[in-house]
Amino acid sequence: DFGGGAVERMGRDDVFISLLEYGSEEVTSALFSDRGLPRRLDPRAFS
């Protein structure tokens, strides 16, 4: 689900995205408190 078996094949010019859904009971948990699919990403946040 997190790309194991795939990301090892990536080249320097490649991108991999995984969008994983969790149970509906998680919607109100603190971990999932941010609202809405992020459409913009901060390149400085990647590590």
All heavy atoms as atom14 arrays in JSON, in Angstrom:
{
  "sequence": "DFGGGAVERMGRDDVFISLLEYGSEEVTSALFSDRGLPRRLDPRAFS",
  "atom14_mask": [
    [1, 1, 1, 1, 1, 1, 1, 1, 0, 0, 0, 0, 0, 0],
    [1, 1, 1, 1, 1, 1, 1, 1, 1, 1, 1, 0, 0, 0],
    [1, 1, 1, 1, 0, 0, 0, 0, 0, 0, 0, 0, 0, 0],
    [1, 1, 1, 1, 0, 0, 0, 0, 0, 0, 0, 0, 0, 0],
    [1, 1, 1, 1, 0, 0, 0, 0, 0, 0, 0, 0, 0, 0],
    [1, 1, 1, 1, 1, 0, 0, 0, 0, 0, 0, 0, 0, 0],
    [1, 1, 1, 1, 1, 1, 1, 0, 0, 0, 0, 0, 0, 0],
    [1, 1, 1, 1, 1, 1, 1, 1, 1, 0, 0, 0, 0, 0],
    [1, 1, 1, 1, 1, 1, 1, 1, 1, 1, 1, 0, 0, 0],
    [1, 1, 1, 1, 1, 1, 1, 1, 0, 0, 0, 0, 0, 0],
    [1, 1, 1, 1, 0, 0, 0, 0, 0, 0, 0, 0, 0, 0],
    [1, 1, 1, 1, 1, 1, 1, 1, 1, 1, 1, 0, 0, 0],
    [1, 1, 1, 1, 1, 1, 1, 1, 0, 0, 0, 0, 0, 0],
    [1, 1, 1, 1, 1, 1, 1, 1, 0, 0, 0, 0, 0, 0],
    [1, 1, 1, 1, 1, 1, 1, 0, 0, 0, 0, 0, 0, 0],
    [1, 1, 1, 1, 1, 1, 1, 1, 1, 1, 1, 0, 0, 0],
    [1, 1, 1, 1, 1, 1, 1, 1, 0, 0, 0, 0, 0, 0],
    [1, 1, 1, 1, 1, 1, 0, 0, 0, 0, 0, 0, 0, 0],
    [1, 1, 1, 1, 1, 1, 1, 1, 0, 0, 0, 0, 0, 0],
    [1, 1, 1, 1, 1, 1, 1, 1, 0, 0, 0, 0, 0, 0],
    [1, 1, 1, 1, 1, 1, 1, 1, 1, 0, 0, 0, 0, 0],
    [1, 1, 1, 1, 1, 1, 1, 1, 1, 1, 1, 1, 0, 0],
    [1, 1, 1, 1, 0, 0, 0, 0, 0, 0, 0, 0, 0, 0],
    [1, 1, 1, 1, 1, 1, 0, 0, 0, 0, 0, 0, 0, 0],
    [1, 1, 1, 1, 1, 1, 1, 1, 1, 0, 0, 0, 0, 0],
    [1, 1, 1, 1, 1, 1, 1, 1, 1, 0, 0, 0, 0, 0],
    [1, 1, 1, 1, 1, 1, 1, 0, 0, 0, 0, 0, 0, 0],
    [1, 1, 1, 1, 1, 1, 1, 0, 0, 0, 0, 0, 0, 0],
    [1, 1, 1, 1, 1, 1, 0, 0, 0, 0, 0, 0, 0, 0],
    [1, 1, 1, 1, 1, 0, 0, 0, 0, 0, 0, 0, 0, 0],
    [1, 1, 1, 1, 1, 1, 1, 1, 0, 0, 0, 0, 0, 0],
    [1, 1, 1, 1, 1, 1, 1, 1, 1, 1, 1, 0, 0, 0],
    [1, 1, 1, 1, 1, 1, 0, 0, 0, 0, 0, 0, 0, 0],
    [1, 1, 1, 1, 1, 1, 1, 1, 0, 0, 0, 0, 0, 0],
    [1, 1, 1, 1, 1, 1, 1, 1, 1, 1, 1, 0, 0, 0],
    [1, 1, 1, 1, 0, 0, 0, 0, 0, 0, 0, 0, 0, 0],
    [1, 1, 1, 1, 1, 1, 1, 1, 0, 0, 0, 0, 0, 0],
    [1, 1, 1, 1, 1, 1, 1, 0, 0, 0, 0, 0, 0, 0],
    [1, 1, 1, 1, 1, 1, 1, 1, 1, 1, 1, 0, 0, 0],
    [1, 1, 1, 1, 1, 1, 1, 1, 1, 1, 1, 0, 0, 0],
    [1, 1, 1, 1, 1, 1, 1, 1, 0, 0, 0, 0, 0, 0],
    [1, 1, 1, 1, 1, 1, 1, 1, 0, 0, 0, 0, 0, 0],
    [1, 1, 1, 1, 1, 1, 1, 0, 0, 0, 0, 0, 0, 0],
    [1, 1, 1, 1, 1, 1, 1, 1, 1, 1, 1, 0, 0, 0],
    [1, 1, 1, 1, 1, 0, 0, 0, 0, 0, 0, 0, 0, 0],
    [1, 1, 1, 1, 1, 1, 1, 1, 1, 1, 1, 0, 0, 0],
    [1, 1, 1, 1, 1, 1, 0, 0, 0, 0, 0, 0, 0, 0]
  ],
  "atom14_positions": [
    [[0.8, -1.22, 0.0], [0.0, 0.0, 0.0], [0.84, 1.27, 0.0], [0.43, 2.29, -0.55], [-0.96, 0.01, 1.19], [-2.02, -1.08, 1.09], [-2.24, -1.6, -0.02], [-2.61, -1.41, 2.12], [0.0, 0.0, 0.0], [0.0, 0.0, 0.0], [0.0, 0.0, 0.0], [0.0, 0.0, 0.0], [0.0, 0.0, 0.0], [0.0, 0.0, 0.0]],
    [[2.02, 1.21, 0.63], [2.88, 2.38, 0.68], [3.99, 2.31, -0.37], [4.99, 3.02, -0.28], [3.46, 2.56, 2.08], [2.43, 3.02, 3.08], [1.72, 2.1, 3.83], [2.15, 4.37, 3.25], [0.76, 2.52, 4.74], [1.19, 4.8, 4.14], [0.49, 3.86, 4.89], [0.0, 0.0, 0.0], [0.0, 0.0, 0.0], [0.0, 0.0, 0.0]],
    [[3.81, 1.47, -1.38], [4.71, 1.45, -2.52], [5.88, 0.5, -2.43], [6.69, 0.47, -3.36], [0.0, 0.0, 0.0], [0.0, 0.0, 0.0], [0.0, 0.0, 0.0], [0.0, 0.0, 0.0], [0.0, 0.0, 0.0], [0.0, 0.0, 0.0], [0.0, 0.0, 0.0], [0.0, 0.0, 0.0], [0.0, 0.0, 0.0], [0.0, 0.0, 0.0]],
    [[6.0, -0.26, -1.35], [7.06, -1.26, -1.28], [6.94, -2.2, -2.47], [5.85, -2.65, -2.8], [0.0, 0.0, 0.0], [0.0, 0.0, 0.0], [0.0, 0.0, 0.0], [0.0, 0.0, 0.0], [0.0, 0.0, 0.0], [0.0, 0.0, 0.0], [0.0, 0.0, 0.0], [0.0, 0.0, 0.0], [0.0, 0.0, 0.0], [0.0, 0.0, 0.0]],
    [[8.04, -2.46, -3.14], [8.02, -3.25, -4.36], [7.92, -2.38, -5.6], [8.16, -2.84, -6.71], [0.0, 0.0, 0.0], [0.0, 0.0, 0.0], [0.0, 0.0, 0.0], [0.0, 0.0, 0.0], [0.0, 0.0, 0.0], [0.0, 0.0, 0.0], [0.0, 0.0, 0.0], [0.0, 0.0, 0.0], [0.0, 0.0, 0.0], [0.0, 0.0, 0.0]],
    [[7.56, -1.11, -5.41], [7.46, -0.18, -6.54], [8.49, 0.94, -6.43], [9.21, 1.22, -7.38], [6.06, 0.43, -6.62], [0.0, 0.0, 0.0], [0.0, 0.0, 0.0], [0.0, 0.0, 0.0], [0.0, 0.0, 0.0], [0.0, 0.0, 0.0], [0.0, 0.0, 0.0], [0.0, 0.0, 0.0], [0.0, 0.0, 0.0], [0.0, 0.0, 0.0]],
    [[8.56, 1.59, -5.26], [9.45, 2.76, -5.13], [10.92, 2.41, -5.34], [11.7, 3.28, -5.71], [9.23, 3.48, -3.78], [7.84, 4.07, -3.71], [9.49, 2.57, -2.6], [0.0, 0.0, 0.0], [0.0, 0.0, 0.0], [0.0, 0.0, 0.0], [0.0, 0.0, 0.0], [0.0, 0.0, 0.0], [0.0, 0.0, 0.0], [0.0, 0.0, 0.0]],
    [[11.27, 1.15, -5.14], [12.65, 0.73, -5.4], [12.99, 0.83, -6.88], [14.16, 0.9, -7.24], [12.86, -0.72, -4.93], [12.68, -0.94, -3.45], [11.21, -1.14, -3.03], [10.31, -1.09, -3.88], [10.99, -1.34, -1.84], [0.0, 0.0, 0.0], [0.0, 0.0, 0.0], [0.0, 0.0, 0.0], [0.0, 0.0, 0.0], [0.0, 0.0, 0.0]],
    [[11.98, 0.87, -7.74], [12.18, 0.95, -9.19], [12.19, 2.39, -9.71], [12.37, 2.62, -10.89], [11.06, 0.19, -9.9], [11.03, -1.27, -9.55], [9.83, -1.93, -10.17], [9.82, -3.34, -9.85], [9.27, -4.26, -10.61], [8.67, -3.93, -11.74], [9.3, -5.52, -10.25], [0.0, 0.0, 0.0], [0.0, 0.0, 0.0], [0.0, 0.0, 0.0]],
    [[11.95, 3.35, -8.82], [11.87, 4.75, -9.24], [13.2, 5.27, -9.75], [14.25, 4.97, -9.17], [11.43, 5.64, -8.06], [10.01, 5.43, -7.63], [9.58, 6.44, -6.18], [9.63, 8.08, -6.87], [0.0, 0.0, 0.0], [0.0, 0.0, 0.0], [0.0, 0.0, 0.0], [0.0, 0.0, 0.0], [0.0, 0.0, 0.0], [0.0, 0.0, 0.0]],
    [[13.12, 6.1, -10.78], [14.29, 6.84, -11.22], [14.29, 8.21, -10.56], [13.35, 8.58, -9.84], [0.0, 0.0, 0.0], [0.0, 0.0, 0.0], [0.0, 0.0, 0.0], [0.0, 0.0, 0.0], [0.0, 0.0, 0.0], [0.0, 0.0, 0.0], [0.0, 0.0, 0.0], [0.0, 0.0, 0.0], [0.0, 0.0, 0.0], [0.0, 0.0, 0.0]],
    [[15.31, 8.98, -10.8], [15.44, 10.31, -10.18], [14.35, 11.27, -10.62], [14.05, 12.23, -9.92], [16.81, 10.89, -10.51], [17.94, 10.08, -9.89], [19.26, 10.66, -10.25], [19.35, 12.0, -9.65], [20.43, 12.74, -9.68], [21.51, 12.31, -10.27], [20.44, 13.92, -9.12], [0.0, 0.0, 0.0], [0.0, 0.0, 0.0], [0.0, 0.0, 0.0]],
    [[13.73, 11.01, -11.75], [12.71, 11.9, -12.3], [11.28, 11.45, -11.96], [10.33, 12.01, -12.45], [12.89, 11.96, -13.83], [12.21, 13.17, -14.43], [12.23, 14.24, -13.81], [11.64, 13.03, -15.54], [0.0, 0.0, 0.0], [0.0, 0.0, 0.0], [0.0, 0.0, 0.0], [0.0, 0.0, 0.0], [0.0, 0.0, 0.0], [0.0, 0.0, 0.0]],
    [[11.16, 10.43, -11.12], [9.86, 9.81, -10.86], [9.19, 10.27, -9.58], [9.84, 10.76, -8.64], [10.0, 8.29, -10.83], [10.24, 7.71, -12.21], [9.65, 8.22, -13.18], [11.02, 6.74, -12.31], [0.0, 0.0, 0.0], [0.0, 0.0, 0.0], [0.0, 0.0, 0.0], [0.0, 0.0, 0.0], [0.0, 0.0, 0.0], [0.0, 0.0, 0.0]],
    [[7.85, 10.07, -9.58], [7.0, 10.4, -8.44], [6.06, 9.23, -8.2], [5.56, 8.63, -9.15], [6.16, 11.68, -8.71], [5.23, 11.98, -7.54], [7.07, 12.86, -8.99], [0.0, 0.0, 0.0], [0.0, 0.0, 0.0], [0.0, 0.0, 0.0], [0.0, 0.0, 0.0], [0.0, 0.0, 0.0], [0.0, 0.0, 0.0], [0.0, 0.0, 0.0]],
    [[5.82, 8.92, -6.94], [4.86, 7.89, -6.54], [3.89, 8.51, -5.54], [4.31, 9.21, -4.61], [5.57, 6.7, -5.89], [4.63, 5.69, -5.29], [4.04, 4.71, -6.08], [4.34, 5.71, -3.94], [3.16, 3.79, -5.54], [3.46, 4.79, -3.39], [2.87, 3.83, -4.19], [0.0, 0.0, 0.0], [0.0, 0.0, 0.0], [0.0, 0.0, 0.0]],
    [[2.58, 8.26, -5.74], [1.55, 8.77, -4.84], [0.67, 7.6, -4.4], [0.23, 6.81, -5.25], [0.65, 9.82, -5.54], [1.47, 11.03, -5.98], [-0.5, 10.24, -4.63], [0.7, 12.0, -6.87], [0.0, 0.0, 0.0], [0.0, 0.0, 0.0], [0.0, 0.0, 0.0], [0.0, 0.0, 0.0], [0.0, 0.0, 0.0], [0.0, 0.0, 0.0]],
    [[0.41, 7.52, -3.11], [-0.54, 6.54, -2.6], [-1.55, 7.28, -1.73], [-1.18, 8.09, -0.88], [0.18, 5.47, -1.77], [-0.71, 4.43, -1.43], [0.0, 0.0, 0.0], [0.0, 0.0, 0.0], [0.0, 0.0, 0.0], [0.0, 0.0, 0.0], [0.0, 0.0, 0.0], [0.0, 0.0, 0.0], [0.0, 0.0, 0.0], [0.0, 0.0, 0.0]],
    [[-2.82, 7.01, -1.98], [-3.92, 7.59, -1.21], [-4.66, 6.43, -0.57], [-5.29, 5.64, -1.26], [-4.83, 8.4, -2.13], [-6.01, 9.11, -1.47], [-5.54, 10.16, -0.48], [-6.9, 9.74, -2.53], [0.0, 0.0, 0.0], [0.0, 0.0, 0.0], [0.0, 0.0, 0.0], [0.0, 0.0, 0.0], [0.0, 0.0, 0.0], [0.0, 0.0, 0.0]],
    [[-4.54, 6.31, 0.76], [-5.08, 5.16, 1.48], [-6.24, 5.6, 2.36], [-6.1, 6.56, 3.13], [-4.01, 4.55, 2.38], [-2.75, 4.06, 1.68], [-1.69, 5.13, 1.68], [-2.25, 2.82, 2.35], [0.0, 0.0, 0.0], [0.0, 0.0, 0.0], [0.0, 0.0, 0.0], [0.0, 0.0, 0.0], [0.0, 0.0, 0.0], [0.0, 0.0, 0.0]],
    [[-7.35, 4.9, 2.24], [-8.51, 5.23, 3.08], [-8.5, 4.38, 4.34], [-8.15, 3.2, 4.32], [-9.82, 5.02, 2.32], [-11.01, 5.46, 3.15], [-12.32, 5.48, 2.39], [-12.34, 5.17, 1.19], [-13.34, 5.83, 3.02], [0.0, 0.0, 0.0], [0.0, 0.0, 0.0], [0.0, 0.0, 0.0], [0.0, 0.0, 0.0], [0.0, 0.0, 0.0]],
    [[-8.9, 5.0, 5.43], [-9.05, 4.33, 6.72], [-10.53, 4.3, 7.09], [-11.35, 4.93, 6.43], [-8.23, 5.05, 7.78], [-6.74, 4.85, 7.59], [-6.04, 5.56, 6.63], [-6.04, 3.93, 8.35], [-4.68, 5.37, 6.43], [-4.68, 3.73, 8.16], [-4.01, 4.45, 7.2], [-2.66, 4.23, 7.01], [0.0, 0.0, 0.0], [0.0, 0.0, 0.0]],
    [[-10.87, 3.59, 8.15], [-12.26, 3.45, 8.55], [-12.93, 4.76, 8.9], [-12.29, 5.71, 9.37], [0.0, 0.0, 0.0], [0.0, 0.0, 0.0], [0.0, 0.0, 0.0], [0.0, 0.0, 0.0], [0.0, 0.0, 0.0], [0.0, 0.0, 0.0], [0.0, 0.0, 0.0], [0.0, 0.0, 0.0], [0.0, 0.0, 0.0], [0.0, 0.0, 0.0]],
    [[-14.24, 4.83, 8.69], [-15.0, 6.06, 8.93], [-14.93, 6.51, 10.38], [-15.06, 7.7, 10.67], [-16.45, 5.88, 8.5], [-17.05, 4.82, 9.22], [0.0, 0.0, 0.0], [0.0, 0.0, 0.0], [0.0, 0.0, 0.0], [0.0, 0.0, 0.0], [0.0, 0.0, 0.0], [0.0, 0.0, 0.0], [0.0, 0.0, 0.0], [0.0, 0.0, 0.0]],
    [[-14.69, 5.6, 11.31], [-14.57, 5.98, 12.72], [-13.35, 6.87, 12.96], [-13.26, 7.56, 13.97], [-14.52, 4.74, 13.62], [-13.28, 3.88, 13.45], [-13.35, 2.88, 12.29], [-14.33, 2.87, 11.53], [-12.38, 2.12, 12.15], [0.0, 0.0, 0.0], [0.0, 0.0, 0.0], [0.0, 0.0, 0.0], [0.0, 0.0, 0.0], [0.0, 0.0, 0.0]],
    [[-12.41, 6.89, 12.03], [-11.19, 7.7, 12.18], [-11.41, 9.17, 11.8], [-10.58, 10.01, 12.14], [-10.07, 7.12, 11.33], [-9.67, 5.71, 11.69], [-9.17, 5.59, 13.12], [-8.62, 6.56, 13.67], [-9.35, 4.5, 13.7], [0.0, 0.0, 0.0], [0.0, 0.0, 0.0], [0.0, 0.0, 0.0], [0.0, 0.0, 0.0], [0.0, 0.0, 0.0]],
    [[-12.49, 9.49, 11.11], [-12.73, 10.85, 10.62], [-12.66, 11.87, 11.75], [-12.14, 12.98, 11.55], [-14.09, 10.93, 9.89], [-14.46, 12.37, 9.57], [-14.04, 10.1, 8.62], [0.0, 0.0, 0.0], [0.0, 0.0, 0.0], [0.0, 0.0, 0.0], [0.0, 0.0, 0.0], [0.0, 0.0, 0.0], [0.0, 0.0, 0.0], [0.0, 0.0, 0.0]],
    [[-13.12, 11.53, 12.92], [-13.14, 12.48, 14.04], [-11.91, 12.37, 14.94], [-11.8, 13.11, 15.91], [-14.41, 12.27, 14.89], [-14.43, 10.92, 15.37], [-15.66, 12.57, 14.08], [0.0, 0.0, 0.0], [0.0, 0.0, 0.0], [0.0, 0.0, 0.0], [0.0, 0.0, 0.0], [0.0, 0.0, 0.0], [0.0, 0.0, 0.0], [0.0, 0.0, 0.0]],
    [[-10.97, 11.5, 14.6], [-9.77, 11.37, 15.44], [-8.8, 12.52, 15.17], [-8.82, 13.14, 14.11], [-9.09, 10.02, 15.19], [-8.46, 10.01, 13.92], [0.0, 0.0, 0.0], [0.0, 0.0, 0.0], [0.0, 0.0, 0.0], [0.0, 0.0, 0.0], [0.0, 0.0, 0.0], [0.0, 0.0, 0.0], [0.0, 0.0, 0.0], [0.0, 0.0, 0.0]],
    [[-7.95, 12.79, 16.13], [-6.99, 13.89, 16.01], [-6.04, 13.69, 14.83], [-5.67, 14.66, 14.16], [-6.2, 14.02, 17.32], [0.0, 0.0, 0.0], [0.0, 0.0, 0.0], [0.0, 0.0, 0.0], [0.0, 0.0, 0.0], [0.0, 0.0, 0.0], [0.0, 0.0, 0.0], [0.0, 0.0, 0.0], [0.0, 0.0, 0.0], [0.0, 0.0, 0.0]],
    [[-5.64, 12.46, 14.57], [-4.7, 12.2, 13.48], [-5.24, 12.67, 12.13], [-4.5, 13.19, 11.3], [-4.38, 10.7, 13.41], [-3.38, 10.29, 12.33], [-2.01, 10.92, 12.57], [-3.27, 8.78, 12.27], [0.0, 0.0, 0.0], [0.0, 0.0, 0.0], [0.0, 0.0, 0.0], [0.0, 0.0, 0.0], [0.0, 0.0, 0.0], [0.0, 0.0, 0.0]],
    [[-6.55, 12.53, 11.92], [-7.17, 12.87, 10.64], [-7.9, 14.22, 10.7], [-8.8, 14.47, 9.91], [-8.13, 11.76, 10.22], [-7.44, 10.45, 9.97], [-7.29, 9.51, 10.98], [-6.9, 10.16, 8.72], [-6.65, 8.3, 10.75], [-6.25, 8.96, 8.49], [-6.12, 8.02, 9.51], [0.0, 0.0, 0.0], [0.0, 0.0, 0.0], [0.0, 0.0, 0.0]],
    [[-7.52, 15.09, 11.61], [-8.26, 16.34, 11.84], [-8.13, 17.36, 10.71], [-9.0, 18.21, 10.56], [-7.84, 16.97, 13.16], [-6.47, 17.33, 13.12], [0.0, 0.0, 0.0], [0.0, 0.0, 0.0], [0.0, 0.0, 0.0], [0.0, 0.0, 0.0], [0.0, 0.0, 0.0], [0.0, 0.0, 0.0], [0.0, 0.0, 0.0], [0.0, 0.0, 0.0]],
    [[-7.06, 17.28, 9.91], [-6.96, 18.22, 8.78], [-8.08, 17.93, 7.79], [-8.41, 16.77, 7.53], [-5.61, 18.11, 8.09], [-4.48, 18.72, 8.9], [-4.76, 19.48, 9.85], [-3.32, 18.41, 8.6], [0.0, 0.0, 0.0], [0.0, 0.0, 0.0], [0.0, 0.0, 0.0], [0.0, 0.0, 0.0], [0.0, 0.0, 0.0], [0.0, 0.0, 0.0]],
    [[-8.64, 18.99, 7.23], [-9.8, 18.85, 6.35], [-9.4, 19.04, 4.89], [-8.75, 20.02, 4.54], [-10.86, 19.89, 6.72], [-12.12, 19.75, 5.94], [-13.12, 20.81, 6.33], [-14.37, 20.48, 5.71], [-15.49, 20.31, 6.37], [-15.53, 20.46, 7.66], [-16.59, 20.0, 5.72], [0.0, 0.0, 0.0], [0.0, 0.0, 0.0], [0.0, 0.0, 0.0]],
    [[-9.82, 18.11, 4.05], [-9.64, 18.23, 2.6], [-8.34, 17.65, 2.08], [-7.3, 17.75, 2.72], [0.0, 0.0, 0.0], [0.0, 0.0, 0.0], [0.0, 0.0, 0.0], [0.0, 0.0, 0.0], [0.0, 0.0, 0.0], [0.0, 0.0, 0.0], [0.0, 0.0, 0.0], [0.0, 0.0, 0.0], [0.0, 0.0, 0.0], [0.0, 0.0, 0.0]],
    [[-8.44, 17.04, 0.9], [-7.26, 16.51, 0.22], [-6.28, 17.64, -0.07], [-6.65, 18.64, -0.69], [-7.68, 15.85, -1.11], [-6.56, 15.42, -2.05], [-5.77, 14.27, -1.44], [-7.13, 15.02, -3.4], [0.0, 0.0, 0.0], [0.0, 0.0, 0.0], [0.0, 0.0, 0.0], [0.0, 0.0, 0.0], [0.0, 0.0, 0.0], [0.0, 0.0, 0.0]],
    [[-5.03, 17.51, 0.37], [-4.04, 18.54, 0.06], [-3.79, 18.6, -1.46], [-3.46, 17.59, -2.06], [-2.79, 18.08, 0.79], [-3.25, 17.08, 1.79], [-4.48, 16.46, 1.22], [0.0, 0.0, 0.0], [0.0, 0.0, 0.0], [0.0, 0.0, 0.0], [0.0, 0.0, 0.0], [0.0, 0.0, 0.0], [0.0, 0.0, 0.0], [0.0, 0.0, 0.0]],
    [[-3.99, 19.76, -2.04], [-3.76, 19.93, -3.48], [-2.4, 20.56, -3.76], [-1.85, 20.42, -4.84], [-4.85, 20.82, -4.1], [-6.26, 20.38, -3.83], [-6.64, 19.16, -4.61], [-8.03, 18.78, -4.31], [-8.67, 17.86, -4.95], [-8.1, 17.2, -5.93], [-9.91, 17.56, -4.62], [0.0, 0.0, 0.0], [0.0, 0.0, 0.0], [0.0, 0.0, 0.0]],
    [[-1.89, 21.29, -2.77], [-0.57, 21.93, -2.87], [0.32, 21.34, -1.78], [-0.12, 21.17, -0.64], [-0.68, 23.45, -2.69], [-1.59, 24.15, -3.68], [-1.03, 24.24, -5.06], [0.17, 25.07, -5.06], [0.93, 25.24, -6.13], [0.61, 24.68, -7.26], [1.99, 26.0, -6.08], [0.0, 0.0, 0.0], [0.0, 0.0, 0.0], [0.0, 0.0, 0.0]],
    [[1.55, 21.04, -2.14], [2.5, 20.46, -1.21], [3.72, 21.36, -1.09], [4.14, 21.97, -2.07], [2.93, 19.07, -1.7], [1.81, 18.06, -1.97], [2.39, 16.79, -2.59], [1.04, 17.76, -0.7], [0.0, 0.0, 0.0], [0.0, 0.0, 0.0], [0.0, 0.0, 0.0], [0.0, 0.0, 0.0], [0.0, 0.0, 0.0], [0.0, 0.0, 0.0]],
    [[4.29, 21.43, 0.08], [5.49, 22.22, 0.31], [6.71, 21.33, 0.06], [6.94, 20.38, 0.81], [5.5, 22.74, 1.75], [6.7, 23.61, 2.07], [7.63, 23.71, 1.23], [6.72, 24.19, 3.17], [0.0, 0.0, 0.0], [0.0, 0.0, 0.0], [0.0, 0.0, 0.0], [0.0, 0.0, 0.0], [0.0, 0.0, 0.0], [0.0, 0.0, 0.0]],
    [[7.49, 21.61, -0.97], [8.66, 20.78, -1.26], [9.63, 20.69, -0.08], [10.32, 19.68, 0.07], [9.32, 21.5, -2.45], [8.21, 22.27, -3.09], [7.3, 22.68, -1.95], [0.0, 0.0, 0.0], [0.0, 0.0, 0.0], [0.0, 0.0, 0.0], [0.0, 0.0, 0.0], [0.0, 0.0, 0.0], [0.0, 0.0, 0.0], [0.0, 0.0, 0.0]],
    [[9.66, 21.71, 0.77], [10.56, 21.7, 1.92], [10.11, 20.7, 2.99], [10.9, 20.35, 3.87], [10.65, 23.09, 2.53], [11.24, 24.12, 1.57], [11.04, 25.51, 2.06], [9.59, 25.74, 2.15], [9.03, 26.86, 2.58], [9.78, 27.85, 2.99], [7.72, 26.99, 2.62], [0.0, 0.0, 0.0], [0.0, 0.0, 0.0], [0.0, 0.0, 0.0]],
    [[8.88, 20.23, 2.93], [8.36, 19.28, 3.92], [8.79, 17.84, 3.6], [8.66, 16.96, 4.46], [6.84, 19.37, 3.99], [0.0, 0.0, 0.0], [0.0, 0.0, 0.0], [0.0, 0.0, 0.0], [0.0, 0.0, 0.0], [0.0, 0.0, 0.0], [0.0, 0.0, 0.0], [0.0, 0.0, 0.0], [0.0, 0.0, 0.0], [0.0, 0.0, 0.0]],
    [[9.3, 17.6, 2.4], [9.73, 16.26, 2.02], [11.06, 15.94, 2.67], [11.94, 16.8, 2.77], [9.85, 16.15, 0.5], [8.52, 15.99, -0.18], [7.7, 17.08, -0.38], [8.09, 14.74, -0.58], [6.48, 16.95, -1.0], [6.86, 14.59, -1.2], [6.04, 15.7, -1.4], [0.0, 0.0, 0.0], [0.0, 0.0, 0.0], [0.0, 0.0, 0.0]],
    [[11.2, 14.69, 3.11], [12.41, 14.29, 3.82], [12.65, 12.79, 3.64], [11.68, 12.02, 3.56], [12.24, 14.59, 5.31], [13.26, 13.98, 6.06], [0.0, 0.0, 0.0], [0.0, 0.0, 0.0], [0.0, 0.0, 0.0], [0.0, 0.0, 0.0], [0.0, 0.0, 0.0], [0.0, 0.0, 0.0], [0.0, 0.0, 0.0], [0.0, 0.0, 0.0]]
  ]
}
